[in-house]
Amino acid sequence: SWRDAPFPEKTHDLFFSGGIVGNSTVRAAGLAELERLKAAGVR
């Protein structure tokens, strides 16, 4: 049904859900930047 779904309502700016511990260092490095984005008002 996602093939023809209408454009979803956007309640947030950025979504992330994923493993950090034991995973890529790229993910771990980005967490601090997510916190700074939150502090800047990014939902």
ModelCIF file with pLDDT and N, C-alpha, C, O atoms, coordinates in Angstrom:
data_MODEL
#
_entry.id   MODEL 
#
_entity.id                         1 
_entity.type                       polymer 
_entity.pdbx_number_of_molecules   1 
#
_entity_poly.entity_id                      1 
_entity_poly.type                           'polypeptide(L)' 
_entity_poly.nstd_linkage                   no 
_entity_poly.nstd_monomer                   no 
_entity_poly.pdbx_seq_one_letter_code       SWRDAPFPEKTHDLFFSGGIVGNSTVRAAGLAELERLKAAGVR 
_entity_poly.pdbx_seq_one_letter_code_can   SWRDAPFPEKTHDLFFSGGIVGNSTVRAAGLAELERLKAAGVR 
_entity_poly.pdbx_strand_id                 A 
#
loop_
_entity_poly_seq.entity_id 
_entity_poly_seq.num 
_entity_poly_seq.mon_id 
_entity_poly_seq.hetero 
1 1  SER n 
1 2  TRP n 
1 3  ARG n 
1 4  ASP n 
1 5  ALA n 
1 6  PRO n 
1 7  PHE n 
1 8  PRO n 
1 9  GLU n 
1 10 LYS n 
1 11 THR n 
1 12 HIS n 
1 13 ASP n 
1 14 LEU n 
1 15 PHE n 
1 16 PHE n 
1 17 SER n 
1 18 GLY n 
1 19 GLY n 
1 20 ILE n 
1 21 VAL n 
1 22 GLY n 
1 23 ASN n 
1 24 SER n 
1 25 THR n 
1 26 VAL n 
1 27 ARG n 
1 28 ALA n 
1 29 ALA n 
1 30 GLY n 
1 31 LEU n 
1 32 ALA n 
1 33 GLU n 
1 34 LEU n 
1 35 GLU n 
1 36 ARG n 
1 37 LEU n 
1 38 LYS n 
1 39 ALA n 
1 40 ALA n 
1 41 GLY n 
1 42 VAL n 
1 43 ARG n 
#
_struct_asym.id          A 
_struct_asym.entity_id   1 
#
loop_
_ma_qa_metric.id 
_ma_qa_metric.mode 
_ma_qa_metric.name 
_ma_qa_metric.software_group_id 
_ma_qa_metric.type 
1 global pLDDT . pLDDT 
2 local  pLDDT . pLDDT 
#
_ma_qa_metric_global.metric_id      1 
_ma_qa_metric_global.metric_value   94.93 
_ma_qa_metric_global.model_id       1 
_ma_qa_metric_global.ordinal_id     1 
#
loop_
_ma_qa_metric_local.label_asym_id 
_ma_qa_metric_local.label_comp_id 
_ma_qa_metric_local.label_seq_id 
_ma_qa_metric_local.metric_id 
_ma_qa_metric_local.metric_value 
_ma_qa_metric_local.model_id 
_ma_qa_metric_local.ordinal_id 
A SER 1  2 94.00 1 1  
A TRP 2  2 95.00 1 2  
A ARG 3  2 95.00 1 3  
A ASP 4  2 94.00 1 4  
A ALA 5  2 96.00 1 5  
A PRO 6  2 97.00 1 6  
A PHE 7  2 97.00 1 7  
A PRO 8  2 97.00 1 8  
A GLU 9  2 98.00 1 9  
A LYS 10 2 98.00 1 10 
A THR 11 2 98.00 1 11 
A HIS 12 2 98.00 1 12 
A ASP 13 2 98.00 1 13 
A LEU 14 2 98.00 1 14 
A PHE 15 2 98.00 1 15 
A PHE 16 2 97.00 1 16 
A SER 17 2 94.00 1 17 
A GLY 18 2 88.00 1 18 
A GLY 19 2 87.00 1 19 
A ILE 20 2 89.00 1 20 
A VAL 21 2 87.00 1 21 
A GLY 22 2 86.00 1 22 
A ASN 23 2 89.00 1 23 
A SER 24 2 92.00 1 24 
A THR 25 2 94.00 1 25 
A VAL 26 2 95.00 1 26 
A ARG 27 2 94.00 1 27 
A ALA 28 2 93.00 1 28 
A ALA 29 2 94.00 1 29 
A GLY 30 2 95.00 1 30 
A LEU 31 2 94.00 1 31 
A ALA 32 2 94.00 1 32 
A GLU 33 2 97.00 1 33 
A LEU 34 2 97.00 1 34 
A GLU 35 2 96.00 1 35 
A ARG 36 2 97.00 1 36 
A LEU 37 2 98.00 1 37 
A LYS 38 2 97.00 1 38 
A ALA 39 2 97.00 1 39 
A ALA 40 2 97.00 1 40 
A GLY 41 2 97.00 1 41 
A VAL 42 2 98.00 1 42 
A ARG 43 2 98.00 1 43 
#
loop_
_atom_site.group_PDB 
_atom_site.id 
_atom_site.type_symbol 
_atom_site.label_atom_id 
_atom_site.label_alt_id 
_atom_site.label_comp_id 
_atom_site.label_asym_id 
_atom_site.label_entity_id 
_atom_site.label_seq_id 
_atom_site.pdbx_PDB_ins_code 
_atom_site.Cartn_x 
_atom_site.Cartn_y 
_atom_site.Cartn_z 
_atom_site.occupancy 
_atom_site.B_iso_or_equiv 
_atom_site.pdbx_formal_charge 
_atom_site.auth_seq_id 
_atom_site.auth_comp_id 
_atom_site.auth_asym_id 
_atom_site.auth_atom_id 
_atom_site.pdbx_PDB_model_num 
ATOM 1   N N  . SER A 1 1  ? 0.822  -1.219 0.000  1.00 94.00 ? 1  SER A N  1 
ATOM 2   C CA . SER A 1 1  ? 0.000  0.000  0.000  1.00 94.00 ? 1  SER A CA 1 
ATOM 3   C C  . SER A 1 1  ? 0.851  1.262  0.000  1.00 94.00 ? 1  SER A C  1 
ATOM 4   O O  . SER A 1 1  ? 0.353  2.332  -0.352 1.00 94.00 ? 1  SER A O  1 
ATOM 5   N N  . TRP A 1 2  ? 2.145  1.167  0.392  1.00 95.00 ? 2  TRP A N  1 
ATOM 6   C CA . TRP A 1 2  ? 3.020  2.333  0.373  1.00 95.00 ? 2  TRP A CA 1 
ATOM 7   C C  . TRP A 1 2  ? 3.298  2.808  -1.048 1.00 95.00 ? 2  TRP A C  1 
ATOM 8   O O  . TRP A 1 2  ? 3.721  3.947  -1.247 1.00 95.00 ? 2  TRP A O  1 
ATOM 9   N N  . ARG A 1 3  ? 3.069  1.954  -2.031 1.00 95.00 ? 3  ARG A N  1 
ATOM 10  C CA . ARG A 1 3  ? 3.332  2.354  -3.426 1.00 95.00 ? 3  ARG A CA 1 
ATOM 11  C C  . ARG A 1 3  ? 2.508  3.566  -3.839 1.00 95.00 ? 3  ARG A C  1 
ATOM 12  O O  . ARG A 1 3  ? 2.992  4.435  -4.565 1.00 95.00 ? 3  ARG A O  1 
ATOM 13  N N  . ASP A 1 4  ? 1.279  3.620  -3.381 1.00 94.00 ? 4  ASP A N  1 
ATOM 14  C CA . ASP A 1 4  ? 0.378  4.702  -3.802 1.00 94.00 ? 4  ASP A CA 1 
ATOM 15  C C  . ASP A 1 4  ? -0.106 5.551  -2.626 1.00 94.00 ? 4  ASP A C  1 
ATOM 16  O O  . ASP A 1 4  ? -1.105 6.262  -2.739 1.00 94.00 ? 4  ASP A O  1 
ATOM 17  N N  . ALA A 1 5  ? 0.592  5.475  -1.520 1.00 96.00 ? 5  ALA A N  1 
ATOM 18  C CA . ALA A 1 5  ? 0.156  6.208  -0.328 1.00 96.00 ? 5  ALA A CA 1 
ATOM 19  C C  . ALA A 1 5  ? 0.288  7.713  -0.543 1.00 96.00 ? 5  ALA A C  1 
ATOM 20  O O  . ALA A 1 5  ? 1.237  8.163  -1.186 1.00 96.00 ? 5  ALA A O  1 
ATOM 21  N N  . PRO A 1 6  ? -0.648 8.492  -0.017 1.00 97.00 ? 6  PRO A N  1 
ATOM 22  C CA . PRO A 1 6  ? -0.517 9.953  -0.102 1.00 97.00 ? 6  PRO A CA 1 
ATOM 23  C C  . PRO A 1 6  ? 0.675  10.422 0.725  1.00 97.00 ? 6  PRO A C  1 
ATOM 24  O O  . PRO A 1 6  ? 1.201  9.679  1.554  1.00 97.00 ? 6  PRO A O  1 
ATOM 25  N N  . PHE A 1 7  ? 1.087  11.651 0.491  1.00 97.00 ? 7  PHE A N  1 
ATOM 26  C CA . PHE A 1 7  ? 2.238  12.179 1.216  1.00 97.00 ? 7  PHE A CA 1 
ATOM 27  C C  . PHE A 1 7  ? 1.908  12.253 2.699  1.00 97.00 ? 7  PHE A C  1 
ATOM 28  O O  . PHE A 1 7  ? 0.910  12.871 3.070  1.00 97.00 ? 7  PHE A O  1 
ATOM 29  N N  . PRO A 1 8  ? 2.721  11.636 3.561  1.00 97.00 ? 8  PRO A N  1 
ATOM 30  C CA . PRO A 1 8  ? 2.387  11.572 4.987  1.00 97.00 ? 8  PRO A CA 1 
ATOM 31  C C  . PRO A 1 8  ? 2.490  12.931 5.677  1.00 97.00 ? 8  PRO A C  1 
ATOM 32  O O  . PRO A 1 8  ? 3.263  13.796 5.266  1.00 97.00 ? 8  PRO A O  1 
ATOM 33  N N  . GLU A 1 9  ? 1.701  13.099 6.723  1.00 98.00 ? 9  GLU A N  1 
ATOM 34  C CA . GLU A 1 9  ? 1.840  14.274 7.567  1.00 98.00 ? 9  GLU A CA 1 
ATOM 35  C C  . GLU A 1 9  ? 3.193  14.210 8.274  1.00 98.00 ? 9  GLU A C  1 
ATOM 36  O O  . GLU A 1 9  ? 3.590  13.162 8.782  1.00 98.00 ? 9  GLU A O  1 
ATOM 37  N N  . LYS A 1 10 ? 3.888  15.332 8.301  1.00 98.00 ? 10 LYS A N  1 
ATOM 38  C CA . LYS A 1 10 ? 5.216  15.371 8.909  1.00 98.00 ? 10 LYS A CA 1 
ATOM 39  C C  . LYS A 1 10 ? 5.136  16.043 10.289 1.00 98.00 ? 10 LYS A C  1 
ATOM 40  O O  . LYS A 1 10 ? 4.816  17.226 10.409 1.00 98.00 ? 10 LYS A O  1 
ATOM 41  N N  . THR A 1 11 ? 5.436  15.251 11.314 1.00 98.00 ? 11 THR A N  1 
ATOM 42  C CA . THR A 1 11 ? 5.422  15.770 12.674 1.00 98.00 ? 11 THR A CA 1 
ATOM 43  C C  . THR A 1 11 ? 6.825  15.988 13.223 1.00 98.00 ? 11 THR A C  1 
ATOM 44  O O  . THR A 1 11 ? 6.998  16.642 14.252 1.00 98.00 ? 11 THR A O  1 
ATOM 45  N N  . HIS A 1 12 ? 7.833  15.438 12.537 1.00 98.00 ? 12 HIS A N  1 
ATOM 46  C CA . HIS A 1 12 ? 9.218  15.578 12.980 1.00 98.00 ? 12 HIS A CA 1 
ATOM 47  C C  . HIS A 1 12 ? 10.111 15.912 11.789 1.00 98.00 ? 12 HIS A C  1 
ATOM 48  O O  . HIS A 1 12 ? 9.737  15.721 10.632 1.00 98.00 ? 12 HIS A O  1 
ATOM 49  N N  . ASP A 1 13 ? 11.277 16.405 12.100 1.00 98.00 ? 13 ASP A N  1 
ATOM 50  C CA . ASP A 1 13 ? 12.243 16.750 11.048 1.00 98.00 ? 13 ASP A CA 1 
ATOM 51  C C  . ASP A 1 13 ? 13.137 15.570 10.677 1.00 98.00 ? 13 ASP A C  1 
ATOM 52  O O  . ASP A 1 13 ? 13.456 15.372 9.505  1.00 98.00 ? 13 ASP A O  1 
ATOM 53  N N  . LEU A 1 14 ? 13.539 14.789 11.675 1.00 98.00 ? 14 LEU A N  1 
ATOM 54  C CA . LEU A 1 14 ? 14.523 13.725 11.442 1.00 98.00 ? 14 LEU A CA 1 
ATOM 55  C C  . LEU A 1 14 ? 14.170 12.503 12.276 1.00 98.00 ? 14 LEU A C  1 
ATOM 56  O O  . LEU A 1 14 ? 13.807 12.612 13.447 1.00 98.00 ? 14 LEU A O  1 
ATOM 57  N N  . PHE A 1 15 ? 14.282 11.349 11.654 1.00 98.00 ? 15 PHE A N  1 
ATOM 58  C CA . PHE A 1 15 ? 13.998 10.080 12.328 1.00 98.00 ? 15 PHE A CA 1 
ATOM 59  C C  . PHE A 1 15 ? 15.270 9.246  12.364 1.00 98.00 ? 15 PHE A C  1 
ATOM 60  O O  . PHE A 1 15 ? 16.030 9.198  11.396 1.00 98.00 ? 15 PHE A O  1 
ATOM 61  N N  . PHE A 1 16 ? 15.488 8.582  13.514 1.00 97.00 ? 16 PHE A N  1 
ATOM 62  C CA . PHE A 1 16 ? 16.569 7.592  13.576 1.00 97.00 ? 16 PHE A CA 1 
ATOM 63  C C  . PHE A 1 16 ? 16.213 6.506  14.567 1.00 97.00 ? 16 PHE A C  1 
ATOM 64  O O  . PHE A 1 16 ? 15.839 6.784  15.706 1.00 97.00 ? 16 PHE A O  1 
ATOM 65  N N  . SER A 1 17 ? 16.332 5.270  14.124 1.00 94.00 ? 17 SER A N  1 
ATOM 66  C CA . SER A 1 17 ? 16.169 4.117  14.996 1.00 94.00 ? 17 SER A CA 1 
ATOM 67  C C  . SER A 1 17 ? 17.141 3.054  14.507 1.00 94.00 ? 17 SER A C  1 
ATOM 68  O O  . SER A 1 17 ? 17.007 2.545  13.394 1.00 94.00 ? 17 SER A O  1 
ATOM 69  N N  . GLY A 1 18 ? 18.113 2.724  15.335 1.00 88.00 ? 18 GLY A N  1 
ATOM 70  C CA . GLY A 1 18 ? 19.098 1.736  14.910 1.00 88.00 ? 18 GLY A CA 1 
ATOM 71  C C  . GLY A 1 18 ? 20.095 1.425  15.999 1.00 88.00 ? 18 GLY A C  1 
ATOM 72  O O  . GLY A 1 18 ? 20.235 2.179  16.962 1.00 88.00 ? 18 GLY A O  1 
ATOM 73  N N  . GLY A 1 19 ? 20.785 0.314  15.845 1.00 87.00 ? 19 GLY A N  1 
ATOM 74  C CA . GLY A 1 19 ? 21.780 -0.096 16.809 1.00 87.00 ? 19 GLY A CA 1 
ATOM 75  C C  . GLY A 1 19 ? 23.021 0.782  16.753 1.00 87.00 ? 19 GLY A C  1 
ATOM 76  O O  . GLY A 1 19 ? 23.442 1.212  15.679 1.00 87.00 ? 19 GLY A O  1 
ATOM 77  N N  . ILE A 1 20 ? 23.596 1.043  17.903 1.00 89.00 ? 20 ILE A N  1 
ATOM 78  C CA . ILE A 1 20 ? 24.815 1.847  18.006 1.00 89.00 ? 20 ILE A CA 1 
ATOM 79  C C  . ILE A 1 20 ? 25.956 1.000  18.560 1.00 89.00 ? 20 ILE A C  1 
ATOM 80  O O  . ILE A 1 20 ? 27.023 0.908  17.954 1.00 89.00 ? 20 ILE A O  1 
ATOM 81  N N  . VAL A 1 21 ? 25.722 0.391  19.704 1.00 87.00 ? 21 VAL A N  1 
ATOM 82  C CA . VAL A 1 21 ? 26.760 -0.402 20.360 1.00 87.00 ? 21 VAL A CA 1 
ATOM 83  C C  . VAL A 1 21 ? 27.072 -1.633 19.513 1.00 87.00 ? 21 VAL A C  1 
ATOM 84  O O  . VAL A 1 21 ? 26.175 -2.383 19.130 1.00 87.00 ? 21 VAL A O  1 
ATOM 85  N N  . GLY A 1 22 ? 28.359 -1.826 19.228 1.00 86.00 ? 22 GLY A N  1 
ATOM 86  C CA . GLY A 1 22 ? 28.763 -2.967 18.426 1.00 86.00 ? 22 GLY A CA 1 
ATOM 87  C C  . GLY A 1 22 ? 28.512 -2.786 16.950 1.00 86.00 ? 22 GLY A C  1 
ATOM 88  O O  . GLY A 1 22 ? 28.620 -3.746 16.188 1.00 86.00 ? 22 GLY A O  1 
ATOM 89  N N  . ASN A 1 23 ? 28.181 -1.586 16.524 1.00 89.00 ? 23 ASN A N  1 
ATOM 90  C CA . ASN A 1 23 ? 27.896 -1.340 15.114 1.00 89.00 ? 23 ASN A CA 1 
ATOM 91  C C  . ASN A 1 23 ? 28.941 -0.385 14.553 1.00 89.00 ? 23 ASN A C  1 
ATOM 92  O O  . ASN A 1 23 ? 30.021 -0.233 15.124 1.00 89.00 ? 23 ASN A O  1 
ATOM 93  N N  . SER A 1 24 ? 28.621 0.253  13.444 1.00 92.00 ? 24 SER A N  1 
ATOM 94  C CA . SER A 1 24 ? 29.555 1.124  12.749 1.00 92.00 ? 24 SER A CA 1 
ATOM 95  C C  . SER A 1 24 ? 29.959 2.324  13.601 1.00 92.00 ? 24 SER A C  1 
ATOM 96  O O  . SER A 1 24 ? 29.140 2.884  14.330 1.00 92.00 ? 24 SER A O  1 
ATOM 97  N N  . THR A 1 25 ? 31.218 2.710  13.503 1.00 94.00 ? 25 THR A N  1 
ATOM 98  C CA . THR A 1 25 ? 31.682 3.917  14.190 1.00 94.00 ? 25 THR A CA 1 
ATOM 99  C C  . THR A 1 25 ? 31.047 5.169  13.602 1.00 94.00 ? 25 THR A C  1 
ATOM 100 O O  . THR A 1 25 ? 30.997 6.206  14.264 1.00 94.00 ? 25 THR A O  1 
ATOM 101 N N  . VAL A 1 26 ? 30.564 5.085  12.376 1.00 95.00 ? 26 VAL A N  1 
ATOM 102 C CA . VAL A 1 26 ? 29.870 6.217  11.760 1.00 95.00 ? 26 VAL A CA 1 
ATOM 103 C C  . VAL A 1 26 ? 28.615 6.557  12.563 1.00 95.00 ? 26 VAL A C  1 
ATOM 104 O O  . VAL A 1 26 ? 28.282 7.728  12.749 1.00 95.00 ? 26 VAL A O  1 
ATOM 105 N N  . ARG A 1 27 ? 27.934 5.529  13.028 1.00 94.00 ? 27 ARG A N  1 
ATOM 106 C CA . ARG A 1 27 ? 26.729 5.769  13.829 1.00 94.00 ? 27 ARG A CA 1 
ATOM 107 C C  . ARG A 1 27 ? 27.076 6.411  15.169 1.00 94.00 ? 27 ARG A C  1 
ATOM 108 O O  . ARG A 1 27 ? 26.453 7.389  15.582 1.00 94.00 ? 27 ARG A O  1 
ATOM 109 N N  . ALA A 1 28 ? 28.068 5.854  15.834 1.00 93.00 ? 28 ALA A N  1 
ATOM 110 C CA . ALA A 1 28 ? 28.455 6.399  17.141 1.00 93.00 ? 28 ALA A CA 1 
ATOM 111 C C  . ALA A 1 28 ? 28.893 7.851  17.024 1.00 93.00 ? 28 ALA A C  1 
ATOM 112 O O  . ALA A 1 28 ? 28.575 8.667  17.889 1.00 93.00 ? 28 ALA A O  1 
ATOM 113 N N  . ALA A 1 29 ? 29.617 8.177  15.966 1.00 94.00 ? 29 ALA A N  1 
ATOM 114 C CA . ALA A 1 29 ? 30.112 9.536  15.793 1.00 94.00 ? 29 ALA A CA 1 
ATOM 115 C C  . ALA A 1 29 ? 28.982 10.530 15.555 1.00 94.00 ? 29 ALA A C  1 
ATOM 116 O O  . ALA A 1 29 ? 29.101 11.707 15.896 1.00 94.00 ? 29 ALA A O  1 
ATOM 117 N N  . GLY A 1 30 ? 27.886 10.055 14.970 1.00 95.00 ? 30 GLY A N  1 
ATOM 118 C CA . GLY A 1 30 ? 26.788 10.968 14.651 1.00 95.00 ? 30 GLY A CA 1 
ATOM 119 C C  . GLY A 1 30 ? 25.890 11.309 15.816 1.00 95.00 ? 30 GLY A C  1 
ATOM 120 O O  . GLY A 1 30 ? 25.128 12.272 15.737 1.00 95.00 ? 30 GLY A O  1 
ATOM 121 N N  . LEU A 1 31 ? 25.956 10.547 16.902 1.00 94.00 ? 31 LEU A N  1 
ATOM 122 C CA . LEU A 1 31 ? 25.040 10.794 18.027 1.00 94.00 ? 31 LEU A CA 1 
ATOM 123 C C  . LEU A 1 31 ? 25.218 12.182 18.630 1.00 94.00 ? 31 LEU A C  1 
ATOM 124 O O  . LEU A 1 31 ? 24.236 12.848 18.958 1.00 94.00 ? 31 LEU A O  1 
ATOM 125 N N  . ALA A 1 32 ? 26.453 12.618 18.775 1.00 94.00 ? 32 ALA A N  1 
ATOM 126 C CA . ALA A 1 32 ? 26.698 13.953 19.344 1.00 94.00 ? 32 ALA A CA 1 
ATOM 127 C C  . ALA A 1 32 ? 26.113 15.032 18.444 1.00 94.00 ? 32 ALA A C  1 
ATOM 128 O O  . ALA A 1 32 ? 25.630 16.056 18.928 1.00 94.00 ? 32 ALA A O  1 
ATOM 129 N N  . GLU A 1 33 ? 26.155 14.808 17.156 1.00 97.00 ? 33 GLU A N  1 
ATOM 130 C CA . GLU A 1 33 ? 25.600 15.800 16.225 1.00 97.00 ? 33 GLU A CA 1 
ATOM 131 C C  . GLU A 1 33 ? 24.079 15.819 16.304 1.00 97.00 ? 33 GLU A C  1 
ATOM 132 O O  . GLU A 1 33 ? 23.464 16.874 16.144 1.00 97.00 ? 33 GLU A O  1 
ATOM 133 N N  . LEU A 1 34 ? 23.466 14.662 16.547 1.00 97.00 ? 34 LEU A N  1 
ATOM 134 C CA . LEU A 1 34 ? 22.018 14.650 16.752 1.00 97.00 ? 34 LEU A CA 1 
ATOM 135 C C  . LEU A 1 34 ? 21.645 15.498 17.967 1.00 97.00 ? 34 LEU A C  1 
ATOM 136 O O  . LEU A 1 34 ? 20.656 16.231 17.937 1.00 97.00 ? 34 LEU A O  1 
ATOM 137 N N  . GLU A 1 35 ? 22.434 15.397 19.033 1.00 96.00 ? 35 GLU A N  1 
ATOM 138 C CA . GLU A 1 35 ? 22.147 16.181 20.234 1.00 96.00 ? 35 GLU A CA 1 
ATOM 139 C C  . GLU A 1 35 ? 22.278 17.677 19.959 1.00 96.00 ? 35 GLU A C  1 
ATOM 140 O O  . GLU A 1 35 ? 21.487 18.478 20.457 1.00 96.00 ? 35 GLU A O  1 
ATOM 141 N N  . ARG A 1 36 ? 23.271 18.046 19.170 1.00 97.00 ? 36 ARG A N  1 
ATOM 142 C CA . ARG A 1 36 ? 23.422 19.472 18.843 1.00 97.00 ? 36 ARG A CA 1 
ATOM 143 C C  . ARG A 1 36 ? 22.285 19.950 17.951 1.00 97.00 ? 36 ARG A C  1 
ATOM 144 O O  . ARG A 1 36 ? 21.843 21.093 18.070 1.00 97.00 ? 36 ARG A O  1 
ATOM 145 N N  . LEU A 1 37 ? 21.809 19.088 17.062 1.00 98.00 ? 37 LEU A N  1 
ATOM 146 C CA . LEU A 1 37 ? 20.671 19.451 16.222 1.00 98.00 ? 37 LEU A CA 1 
ATOM 147 C C  . LEU A 1 37 ? 19.413 19.637 17.075 1.00 98.00 ? 37 LEU A C  1 
ATOM 148 O O  . LEU A 1 37 ? 18.629 20.559 16.850 1.00 98.00 ? 37 LEU A O  1 
ATOM 149 N N  . LYS A 1 38 ? 19.235 18.751 18.051 1.00 97.00 ? 38 LYS A N  1 
ATOM 150 C CA . LYS A 1 38 ? 18.097 18.913 18.968 1.00 97.00 ? 38 LYS A CA 1 
ATOM 151 C C  . LYS A 1 38 ? 18.168 20.256 19.694 1.00 97.00 ? 38 LYS A C  1 
ATOM 152 O O  . LYS A 1 38 ? 17.167 20.962 19.818 1.00 97.00 ? 38 LYS A O  1 
ATOM 153 N N  . ALA A 1 39 ? 19.361 20.595 20.167 1.00 97.00 ? 39 ALA A N  1 
ATOM 154 C CA . ALA A 1 39 ? 19.542 21.856 20.889 1.00 97.00 ? 39 ALA A CA 1 
ATOM 155 C C  . ALA A 1 39 ? 19.258 23.057 19.997 1.00 97.00 ? 39 ALA A C  1 
ATOM 156 O O  . ALA A 1 39 ? 18.877 24.122 20.483 1.00 97.00 ? 39 ALA A O  1 
ATOM 157 N N  . ALA A 1 40 ? 19.444 22.884 18.697 1.00 97.00 ? 40 ALA A N  1 
ATOM 158 C CA . ALA A 1 40 ? 19.194 23.969 17.743 1.00 97.00 ? 40 ALA A CA 1 
ATOM 159 C C  . ALA A 1 40 ? 17.728 24.025 17.319 1.00 97.00 ? 40 ALA A C  1 
ATOM 160 O O  . ALA A 1 40 ? 17.351 24.873 16.510 1.00 97.00 ? 40 ALA A O  1 
ATOM 161 N N  . GLY A 1 41 ? 16.897 23.126 17.859 1.00 97.00 ? 41 GLY A N  1 
ATOM 162 C CA . GLY A 1 41 ? 15.467 23.177 17.564 1.00 97.00 ? 41 GLY A CA 1 
ATOM 163 C C  . GLY A 1 41 ? 14.989 22.181 16.529 1.00 97.00 ? 41 GLY A C  1 
ATOM 164 O O  . GLY A 1 41 ? 13.815 22.210 16.158 1.00 97.00 ? 41 GLY A O  1 
ATOM 165 N N  . VAL A 1 42 ? 15.856 21.299 16.047 1.00 98.00 ? 42 VAL A N  1 
ATOM 166 C CA . VAL A 1 42 ? 15.432 20.280 15.086 1.00 98.00 ? 42 VAL A CA 1 
ATOM 167 C C  . VAL A 1 42 ? 14.625 19.218 15.827 1.00 98.00 ? 42 VAL A C  1 
ATOM 168 O O  . VAL A 1 42 ? 15.070 18.693 16.848 1.00 98.00 ? 42 VAL A O  1 
ATOM 169 N N  . ARG A 1 43 ? 13.452 18.905 15.317 1.00 98.00 ? 43 ARG A N  1 
ATOM 170 C CA . ARG A 1 43 ? 12.562 17.923 15.950 1.00 98.00 ? 43 ARG A CA 1 
ATOM 171 C C  . ARG A 1 43 ? 13.000 16.519 15.530 1.00 98.00 ? 43 ARG A C  1 
ATOM 172 O O  . ARG A 1 43 ? 12.392 15.533 15.945 1.00 98.00 ? 43 ARG A O  1 
#
